[in-house]
Amino acid sequence: MQTVDFFGPLVDDPFDYGRIAAANAVSDVYALGARPVIALNLVSFPAKTLPLSILERILAGGAATCREAGVTIVGGHSIDDPEPKYGLAVTGLVDPGRAVLASGARPGDRLLLGKAIGTGVVANAIKKGEAPPEVAVAAVDSMTRLNRRASEAMVRHGATASTDVTGFGLLGHLHNLLVASGAAARLRAGDVPLLPGARLLAEAGHVPGGTRRNLAAAQSYTTFSPALDMTTRLLLADAQTSGGLLMACPTASSAALAEELAAAGYTGAPIGEIVPGAAGAITVV
């Protein structure tokens, strides 16, 4: 299998940007319970207007994350472009009989989330120079954390379905999983973990356009409790970069999976359950 991710700067430090891009690129492989093996760098860079030392740091960051993931970078492609962009095409291996697809969730399964959400809001504030240093550090730590150990844990505990949470936000990716599985879900907003500072930044207006578009799209398949404010709804739709794995797991093994995820440094948060209903429908309480 192969995945491709290619996007522009999210943070100020080129090395961190490279690390985040690489972690984001391998995440799709981990979502299948697979092992990433090789990658190709994809680069667009304004070589005439920015020093190549910046590109060197971006590639060094990507290489550092790939080493951590056990991935070999075997080459790449580059073009001259006004906006810097970096990503990787990643190839991984998986036993077809053990792959965790997005289509296997069944009513009664518990939903677990591997990382706190809010990276879109925080990255938007970082770009404007208005994210407190400790908030920015927490977001970078989350975005650079590999989903490797979460992937291994979900396979061991018999997860029935999985997806990583990225640009479509938690609601969008859950919806896609539910459509593939022919099921619905009940989500508990109060149990969804948020990155430090994300709510305050969202309330201050640091909400990216992609997040607002995600929420507009989610209105067609999501029923929100009237008690949930607009900030909560926006955060549930926040466009993520290198987010965590969203896993459906049988009730009998969900507690053990949550415990192992927490021990490995993930949130391991149980946030809802799969229920009978129209395929793709989400109720948020």
Protein backbone atom coordinates (compact mmCIF):
# COMPACT_ATOMS: atom_id res chain seq x y z
CA MET A 1 0.00 0.00 0.00
CA GLN A 2 1.11 3.59 -0.56
CA THR A 3 0.09 6.93 0.92
CA VAL A 4 1.01 10.46 -0.13
CA ASP A 5 0.93 13.66 1.95
CA PHE A 6 2.15 17.02 0.68
CA PHE A 7 1.42 20.33 2.42
CA GLY A 8 2.74 23.78 3.30
CA PRO A 9 4.29 25.14 6.52
CA LEU A 10 2.38 24.76 9.78
CA VAL A 11 5.03 25.87 12.27
CA ASP A 12 7.96 28.27 12.25
CA ASP A 13 10.81 25.82 12.76
CA PRO A 14 11.84 24.03 9.51
CA PHE A 15 13.09 20.94 11.36
CA ASP A 16 9.80 20.55 13.26
CA TYR A 17 7.88 21.12 10.04
CA GLY A 18 9.78 18.24 8.43
CA ARG A 19 9.12 16.00 11.42
CA ILE A 20 5.39 16.77 11.37
CA ALA A 21 5.11 16.17 7.62
CA ALA A 22 6.77 12.77 7.92
CA ALA A 23 4.66 11.71 10.91
CA ASN A 24 1.54 12.76 9.03
CA ALA A 25 2.59 10.81 5.93
CA VAL A 26 3.18 7.49 7.72
CA SER A 27 -0.03 7.80 9.73
CA ASP A 28 -2.26 6.38 6.99
CA VAL A 29 -0.15 3.23 7.01
CA TYR A 30 -0.45 2.88 10.78
CA ALA A 31 -4.22 3.34 10.54
CA LEU A 32 -4.38 0.04 8.65
CA GLY A 33 -2.33 -1.77 11.27
CA ALA A 34 0.45 -1.85 8.68
CA ARG A 35 4.21 -1.23 8.86
CA PRO A 36 5.69 1.62 6.78
CA VAL A 37 8.85 0.53 4.97
CA ILE A 38 10.08 3.02 2.33
CA ALA A 39 9.32 6.62 1.39
CA LEU A 40 9.98 9.17 -1.34
CA ASN A 41 10.46 12.83 -0.44
CA LEU A 42 8.20 15.30 -2.30
CA VAL A 43 9.47 18.87 -2.23
CA SER A 44 8.39 22.18 -3.68
CA PHE A 45 10.70 25.06 -2.71
CA PRO A 46 11.45 28.66 -3.86
CA ALA A 47 15.19 28.12 -4.28
CA LYS A 48 15.75 31.67 -5.60
CA THR A 49 14.11 33.45 -2.67
CA LEU A 50 14.80 31.24 0.37
CA PRO A 51 18.16 29.84 1.47
CA LEU A 52 18.66 26.15 0.81
CA SER A 53 19.67 25.78 4.46
CA ILE A 54 15.93 25.93 5.28
CA LEU A 55 15.23 23.06 2.91
CA GLU A 56 18.12 21.15 4.44
CA ARG A 57 16.52 21.48 7.88
CA ILE A 58 13.10 20.41 6.56
CA LEU A 59 14.57 17.28 5.00
CA ALA A 60 16.59 16.57 8.15
CA GLY A 61 13.40 16.71 10.21
CA GLY A 62 11.63 14.34 7.85
CA ALA A 63 14.59 11.97 7.90
CA ALA A 64 14.67 11.97 11.72
CA THR A 65 11.02 10.92 11.93
CA CYS A 66 11.49 8.28 9.22
CA ARG A 67 14.40 6.80 11.16
CA GLU A 68 12.22 6.66 14.26
CA ALA A 69 9.54 4.88 12.21
CA GLY A 70 12.03 2.43 10.69
CA VAL A 71 11.37 3.86 7.22
CA THR A 72 14.08 4.15 4.56
CA ILE A 73 13.94 7.24 2.30
CA VAL A 74 14.86 5.90 -1.13
CA GLY A 75 14.72 9.09 -3.20
CA GLY A 76 12.38 11.89 -4.05
CA HIS A 77 11.11 14.57 -6.41
CA SER A 78 11.44 18.36 -6.24
CA ILE A 79 10.16 21.41 -8.10
CA ASP A 80 10.74 25.16 -7.83
CA ASP A 81 7.59 26.76 -6.42
CA PRO A 82 6.75 30.07 -4.70
CA GLU A 83 5.42 28.33 -1.56
CA PRO A 84 7.47 25.75 0.34
CA LYS A 85 5.74 22.37 0.55
CA TYR A 86 7.00 19.05 1.79
CA GLY A 87 5.57 15.57 2.08
CA LEU A 88 6.32 11.92 1.46
CA ALA A 89 4.93 9.04 -0.57
CA VAL A 90 5.06 6.09 1.84
CA THR A 91 4.86 2.38 1.04
CA GLY A 92 4.03 -0.11 3.79
CA LEU A 93 3.38 -3.80 4.32
CA VAL A 94 0.46 -5.54 5.98
CA ASP A 95 -0.92 -9.06 6.20
CA PRO A 96 -4.27 -8.75 4.40
CA GLY A 97 -5.84 -11.01 6.99
CA ARG A 98 -4.81 -8.69 9.82
CA ALA A 99 -5.38 -5.29 8.21
CA VAL A 100 -7.66 -2.99 10.21
CA LEU A 101 -9.96 -1.46 7.62
CA ALA A 102 -12.33 1.47 8.04
CA SER A 103 -15.25 -0.78 7.16
CA GLY A 104 -15.34 -3.20 10.10
CA ALA A 105 -17.04 -1.26 12.90
CA ARG A 106 -20.15 -2.89 14.36
CA PRO A 107 -22.87 -1.71 16.78
CA GLY A 108 -21.66 -2.20 20.32
CA ASP A 109 -18.02 -1.39 19.53
CA ARG A 110 -16.39 1.34 21.61
CA LEU A 111 -14.68 4.32 19.98
CA LEU A 112 -11.21 5.32 21.23
CA LEU A 113 -9.12 8.32 20.18
CA GLY A 114 -5.33 8.23 20.32
CA LYS A 115 -4.50 11.97 20.37
CA ALA A 116 -6.10 15.17 21.61
CA ILE A 117 -7.56 17.42 18.90
CA GLY A 118 -7.05 21.10 18.18
CA THR A 119 -3.94 21.23 15.99
CA GLY A 120 -5.71 23.26 13.30
CA VAL A 121 -6.68 25.98 15.75
CA VAL A 122 -3.24 26.06 17.37
CA ALA A 123 -1.39 26.09 14.03
CA ASN A 124 -3.55 29.01 12.91
CA ALA A 125 -2.55 30.92 16.04
CA ILE A 126 1.13 30.00 15.53
CA LYS A 127 1.03 31.50 12.01
CA LYS A 128 -0.29 34.75 13.50
CA GLY A 129 2.28 34.76 16.30
CA GLU A 130 -0.45 34.50 18.94
CA ALA A 131 0.01 30.99 20.34
CA PRO A 132 1.55 30.90 23.83
CA PRO A 133 4.90 29.05 23.75
CA GLU A 134 3.70 26.18 25.96
CA VAL A 135 0.61 25.71 23.76
CA ALA A 136 2.72 25.60 20.60
CA VAL A 137 5.12 23.09 22.15
CA ALA A 138 2.26 20.79 23.18
CA ALA A 139 0.82 20.88 19.66
CA VAL A 140 4.19 20.16 18.04
CA ASP A 141 4.77 17.29 20.47
CA SER A 142 1.41 15.82 19.48
CA MET A 143 1.91 16.27 15.73
CA THR A 144 5.38 14.71 15.79
CA ARG A 145 4.31 11.69 17.85
CA LEU A 146 4.10 8.61 15.65
CA ASN A 147 0.96 6.48 15.75
CA ARG A 148 3.16 3.39 15.60
CA ARG A 149 2.57 2.02 19.08
CA ALA A 150 -1.13 2.85 18.94
CA SER A 151 -1.35 0.88 15.70
CA GLU A 152 0.43 -2.12 17.19
CA ALA A 153 -1.81 -2.01 20.27
CA MET A 154 -5.06 -1.89 18.32
CA VAL A 155 -4.02 -4.91 16.26
CA ARG A 156 -3.21 -6.86 19.43
CA HIS A 157 -6.57 -6.01 20.97
CA GLY A 158 -8.67 -6.85 17.93
CA ALA A 159 -9.78 -3.41 16.76
CA THR A 160 -12.54 -3.76 14.18
CA ALA A 161 -11.99 -0.49 12.31
CA SER A 162 -9.59 2.45 12.27
CA THR A 163 -8.82 5.72 10.57
CA ASP A 164 -6.39 8.52 11.33
CA VAL A 165 -7.84 11.94 12.10
CA THR A 166 -6.46 14.55 9.72
CA GLY A 167 -7.88 17.23 7.43
CA PHE A 168 -11.57 16.34 7.67
CA GLY A 169 -11.51 16.63 11.47
CA LEU A 170 -12.83 14.14 14.01
CA LEU A 171 -16.42 14.34 12.76
CA GLY A 172 -15.47 14.00 9.10
CA HIS A 173 -13.21 11.00 9.56
CA LEU A 174 -15.67 9.30 11.91
CA HIS A 175 -18.39 9.85 9.30
CA ASN A 176 -16.26 8.20 6.60
CA LEU A 177 -15.59 5.22 8.87
CA LEU A 178 -19.29 4.88 9.62
CA VAL A 179 -20.32 5.06 5.97
CA ALA A 180 -17.80 2.32 5.13
CA SER A 181 -19.09 0.23 8.05
CA GLY A 182 -22.79 0.82 7.42
CA ALA A 183 -23.34 2.05 10.97
CA ALA A 184 -23.94 5.14 13.11
CA ALA A 185 -22.21 6.49 16.24
CA ARG A 186 -22.91 8.30 19.47
CA LEU A 187 -20.11 10.68 20.49
CA ARG A 188 -19.64 12.22 23.95
CA ALA A 189 -18.21 15.69 23.38
CA GLY A 190 -17.06 16.04 27.00
CA ASP A 191 -14.87 12.95 26.68
CA VAL A 192 -13.02 14.14 23.57
CA PRO A 193 -9.56 15.34 24.68
CA LEU A 194 -8.41 18.80 23.59
CA LEU A 195 -4.88 20.10 23.25
CA PRO A 196 -3.86 22.66 25.89
CA GLY A 197 -5.07 26.11 24.93
CA ALA A 198 -7.13 24.93 21.95
CA ARG A 199 -10.48 26.01 23.38
CA LEU A 200 -9.25 29.46 24.40
CA LEU A 201 -7.66 30.02 20.98
CA ALA A 202 -10.84 28.92 19.22
CA GLU A 203 -12.89 31.28 21.37
CA ALA A 204 -10.45 34.05 20.43
CA GLY A 205 -11.19 33.46 16.74
CA HIS A 206 -8.22 31.35 15.66
CA VAL A 207 -10.36 28.98 13.62
CA PRO A 208 -9.00 28.03 10.17
CA GLY A 209 -11.23 28.12 7.12
CA GLY A 210 -10.89 24.36 6.67
CA THR A 211 -12.38 23.81 10.12
CA ARG A 212 -15.39 26.00 9.34
CA ARG A 213 -15.92 24.15 6.05
CA ASN A 214 -15.68 20.82 7.89
CA LEU A 215 -18.39 21.88 10.34
CA ALA A 216 -20.63 23.11 7.52
CA ALA A 217 -20.30 19.71 5.84
CA ALA A 218 -20.92 17.87 9.12
CA GLN A 219 -24.30 19.53 9.61
CA SER A 220 -25.80 17.11 7.07
CA TYR A 221 -24.92 13.98 9.05
CA THR A 222 -24.45 15.17 12.65
CA THR A 223 -27.08 15.82 15.30
CA PHE A 224 -25.68 18.03 18.07
CA SER A 225 -27.15 18.32 21.53
CA PRO A 226 -28.59 21.86 21.91
CA ALA A 227 -26.39 22.22 24.99
CA LEU A 228 -23.18 22.16 22.92
CA ASP A 229 -21.79 25.60 22.13
CA MET A 230 -20.31 26.66 18.78
CA THR A 231 -16.73 26.42 20.04
CA THR A 232 -17.21 22.76 20.93
CA ARG A 233 -18.76 22.04 17.54
CA LEU A 234 -15.90 23.77 15.72
CA LEU A 235 -13.28 21.85 17.68
CA LEU A 236 -14.94 18.53 16.85
CA ALA A 237 -14.61 19.54 13.18
CA ASP A 238 -11.13 21.07 13.52
CA ALA A 239 -8.89 20.19 10.57
CA GLN A 240 -6.03 18.17 12.05
CA THR A 241 -2.49 17.50 10.94
CA SER A 242 -0.86 14.27 12.10
CA GLY A 243 -3.78 13.50 14.41
CA GLY A 244 -4.32 10.32 16.34
CA LEU A 245 -5.92 7.05 15.38
CA LEU A 246 -9.67 6.76 15.80
CA MET A 247 -10.35 3.11 16.61
CA ALA A 248 -13.46 0.98 16.96
CA CYS A 249 -12.92 -1.92 19.35
CA PRO A 250 -15.14 -4.65 20.83
CA THR A 251 -16.37 -3.79 24.31
CA ALA A 252 -14.62 -6.81 25.84
CA SER A 253 -11.15 -5.57 24.84
CA SER A 254 -11.69 -1.79 24.80
CA ALA A 255 -10.62 -1.18 28.42
CA ALA A 256 -7.38 -3.10 27.92
CA LEU A 257 -6.69 -1.19 24.70
CA ALA A 258 -7.37 2.15 26.40
CA GLU A 259 -5.01 1.21 29.23
CA GLU A 260 -2.23 0.21 26.85
CA LEU A 261 -2.64 3.38 24.80
CA ALA A 262 -2.39 5.53 27.92
CA ALA A 263 0.71 3.64 29.09
CA ALA A 264 2.32 4.33 25.68
CA GLY A 265 1.71 8.07 25.99
CA TYR A 266 -1.49 8.42 23.96
CA THR A 267 -4.78 9.73 25.31
CA GLY A 268 -6.49 6.36 24.91
CA ALA A 269 -9.74 8.25 25.44
CA PRO A 270 -13.03 6.33 25.08
CA ILE A 271 -15.20 8.93 23.35
CA GLY A 272 -18.32 7.06 22.23
CA GLU A 273 -19.71 3.93 20.68
CA ILE A 274 -20.94 2.49 17.41
CA VAL A 275 -24.74 2.20 17.34
CA PRO A 276 -27.39 0.98 14.89
CA GLY A 277 -28.65 3.67 12.55
CA ALA A 278 -28.28 5.31 9.16
CA ALA A 279 -24.80 4.74 7.73
CA GLY A 280 -22.62 7.73 8.58
CA ALA A 281 -24.97 9.36 11.09
CA ILE A 282 -23.40 10.87 14.22
CA THR A 283 -25.15 12.01 17.39
CA VAL A 284 -23.08 14.25 19.68
CA VAL A 285 -24.16 14.66 23.28
